[in-house]
């Protein structure tokens, strides 16, 4: 289980771990005043710091629209 976010239920005063976040495909966004959503920065950050070795964001295309090379691939470029 990979915890990407958690929701705090104000009524029961409990936290609920979530394996998804607000950027996950298929997630419906609805405001609920009974819950506070906290998301781990590593999973909602869409910027690269340094060489990007620790990047866990959601961007998978270049600024010009070209699909990014997978980190574990040496094709078409070596690291």
C-alpha atoms as a PDB file:
ATOM      1  CA  UNK A   1       0.000   0.000   0.000  1.00  0.00           C
ATOM      2  CA  UNK A   2       1.396   3.362  -1.023  1.00  0.00           C
ATOM      3  CA  UNK A   3      -0.095   6.260   0.927  1.00  0.00           C
ATOM      4  CA  UNK A   4      -0.321   9.257  -1.397  1.00  0.00           C
ATOM      5  CA  UNK A   5      -2.683  11.338   0.761  1.00  0.00           C
ATOM      6  CA  UNK A   6      -4.913  11.193   3.786  1.00  0.00           C
ATOM      7  CA  UNK A   7      -8.262  12.693   4.686  1.00  0.00           C
ATOM      8  CA  UNK A   8      -9.014  13.909   8.191  1.00  0.00           C
ATOM      9  CA  UNK A   9     -12.637  13.365   9.238  1.00  0.00           C
ATOM     10  CA  UNK A  10     -13.561  16.277  11.514  1.00  0.00           C
ATOM     11  CA  UNK A  11     -16.626  14.515  12.939  1.00  0.00           C
ATOM     12  CA  UNK A  12     -14.954  11.268  14.051  1.00  0.00           C
ATOM     13  CA  UNK A  13     -11.524  12.928  14.440  1.00  0.00           C
ATOM     14  CA  UNK A  14      -9.868  10.133  12.445  1.00  0.00           C
ATOM     15  CA  UNK A  15      -7.491  10.000   9.511  1.00  0.00           C
ATOM     16  CA  UNK A  16      -8.134   7.833   6.450  1.00  0.00           C
ATOM     17  CA  UNK A  17      -5.120   6.829   4.363  1.00  0.00           C
ATOM     18  CA  UNK A  18      -5.590   7.111   0.593  1.00  0.00           C
ATOM     19  CA  UNK A  19      -3.692   5.318  -2.170  1.00  0.00           C
ATOM     20  CA  UNK A  20      -4.667   8.096  -4.603  1.00  0.00           C
ATOM     21  CA  UNK A  21      -4.573  11.883  -4.666  1.00  0.00           C
ATOM     22  CA  UNK A  22      -6.416  14.710  -6.388  1.00  0.00           C
ATOM     23  CA  UNK A  23      -4.347  14.243  -9.576  1.00  0.00           C
ATOM     24  CA  UNK A  24      -5.118  10.519  -9.991  1.00  0.00           C
ATOM     25  CA  UNK A  25      -7.139   9.687 -13.122  1.00  0.00           C
ATOM     26  CA  UNK A  26     -10.812   8.999 -12.385  1.00  0.00           C
ATOM     27  CA  UNK A  27     -10.933  10.865  -9.081  1.00  0.00           C
ATOM     28  CA  UNK A  28     -14.057  12.983  -8.719  1.00  0.00           C
ATOM     29  CA  UNK A  29     -13.417  16.245  -6.951  1.00  0.00           C
ATOM     30  CA  UNK A  30     -16.172  17.347  -4.615  1.00  0.00           C
ATOM     31  CA  UNK A  31     -15.737  19.766  -1.751  1.00  0.00           C
ATOM     32  CA  UNK A  32     -16.761  18.333   1.608  1.00  0.00           C
ATOM     33  CA  UNK A  33     -16.520  20.562   4.677  1.00  0.00           C
ATOM     34  CA  UNK A  34     -16.430  17.520   6.987  1.00  0.00           C
ATOM     35  CA  UNK A  35     -13.047  16.402   5.615  1.00  0.00           C
ATOM     36  CA  UNK A  36      -9.637  17.996   5.204  1.00  0.00           C
ATOM     37  CA  UNK A  37      -7.457  16.490   2.471  1.00  0.00           C
ATOM     38  CA  UNK A  38      -3.703  16.357   2.981  1.00  0.00           C
ATOM     39  CA  UNK A  39      -1.556  15.262   0.044  1.00  0.00           C
ATOM     40  CA  UNK A  40       2.096  14.246   0.081  1.00  0.00           C
ATOM     41  CA  UNK A  41       4.089  16.841  -1.832  1.00  0.00           C
ATOM     42  CA  UNK A  42       6.055  14.228  -3.768  1.00  0.00           C
ATOM     43  CA  UNK A  43       2.864  13.074  -5.524  1.00  0.00           C
ATOM     44  CA  UNK A  44       1.365  16.446  -6.437  1.00  0.00           C
ATOM     45  CA  UNK A  45       4.551  18.314  -7.295  1.00  0.00           C
ATOM     46  CA  UNK A  46       4.998  18.877 -11.012  1.00  0.00           C
ATOM     47  CA  UNK A  47       8.428  20.422 -10.987  1.00  0.00           C
ATOM     48  CA  UNK A  48      11.859  18.892 -11.345  1.00  0.00           C
ATOM     49  CA  UNK A  49      14.543  19.810  -8.838  1.00  0.00           C
ATOM     50  CA  UNK A  50      18.120  19.194  -9.923  1.00  0.00           C
ATOM     51  CA  UNK A  51      18.373  16.298 -12.386  1.00  0.00           C
ATOM     52  CA  UNK A  52      14.947  14.930 -11.448  1.00  0.00           C
ATOM     53  CA  UNK A  53      16.165  11.661  -9.913  1.00  0.00           C
ATOM     54  CA  UNK A  54      13.598  11.940  -7.083  1.00  0.00           C
ATOM     55  CA  UNK A  55      10.728  13.175  -9.268  1.00  0.00           C
ATOM     56  CA  UNK A  56       7.372  11.496  -8.489  1.00  0.00           C
ATOM     57  CA  UNK A  57       5.042  13.948 -10.213  1.00  0.00           C
ATOM     58  CA  UNK A  58       2.539  13.383 -12.976  1.00  0.00           C
ATOM     59  CA  UNK A  59       4.135  15.111 -15.984  1.00  0.00           C
ATOM     60  CA  UNK A  60       4.924  12.561 -18.705  1.00  0.00           C
ATOM     61  CA  UNK A  61       5.311  14.740 -21.800  1.00  0.00           C
ATOM     62  CA  UNK A  62       7.775  17.458 -22.729  1.00  0.00           C
ATOM     63  CA  UNK A  63       6.779  21.101 -23.189  1.00  0.00           C
ATOM     64  CA  UNK A  64       6.483  20.374 -26.930  1.00  0.00           C
ATOM     65  CA  UNK A  65       4.209  17.347 -26.364  1.00  0.00           C
ATOM     66  CA  UNK A  66       6.714  14.493 -26.848  1.00  0.00           C
ATOM     67  CA  UNK A  67       6.193  11.442 -24.595  1.00  0.00           C
ATOM     68  CA  UNK A  68       8.926  11.233 -21.922  1.00  0.00           C
ATOM     69  CA  UNK A  69      11.354   8.332 -21.808  1.00  0.00           C
ATOM     70  CA  UNK A  70      10.789   5.950 -18.876  1.00  0.00           C
ATOM     71  CA  UNK A  71      13.392   6.222 -16.106  1.00  0.00           C
ATOM     72  CA  UNK A  72      14.223   2.507 -16.381  1.00  0.00           C
ATOM     73  CA  UNK A  73      14.720   2.669 -20.159  1.00  0.00           C
ATOM     74  CA  UNK A  74      17.999   3.294 -21.960  1.00  0.00           C
ATOM     75  CA  UNK A  75      16.192   3.767 -25.279  1.00  0.00           C
ATOM     76  CA  UNK A  76      16.295   6.099 -27.174  1.00  0.00           C
ATOM     77  CA  UNK A  77      18.836   7.869 -24.869  1.00  0.00           C
ATOM     78  CA  UNK A  78      21.285   6.587 -22.283  1.00  0.00           C
ATOM     79  CA  UNK A  79      21.255   8.259 -18.873  1.00  0.00           C
END
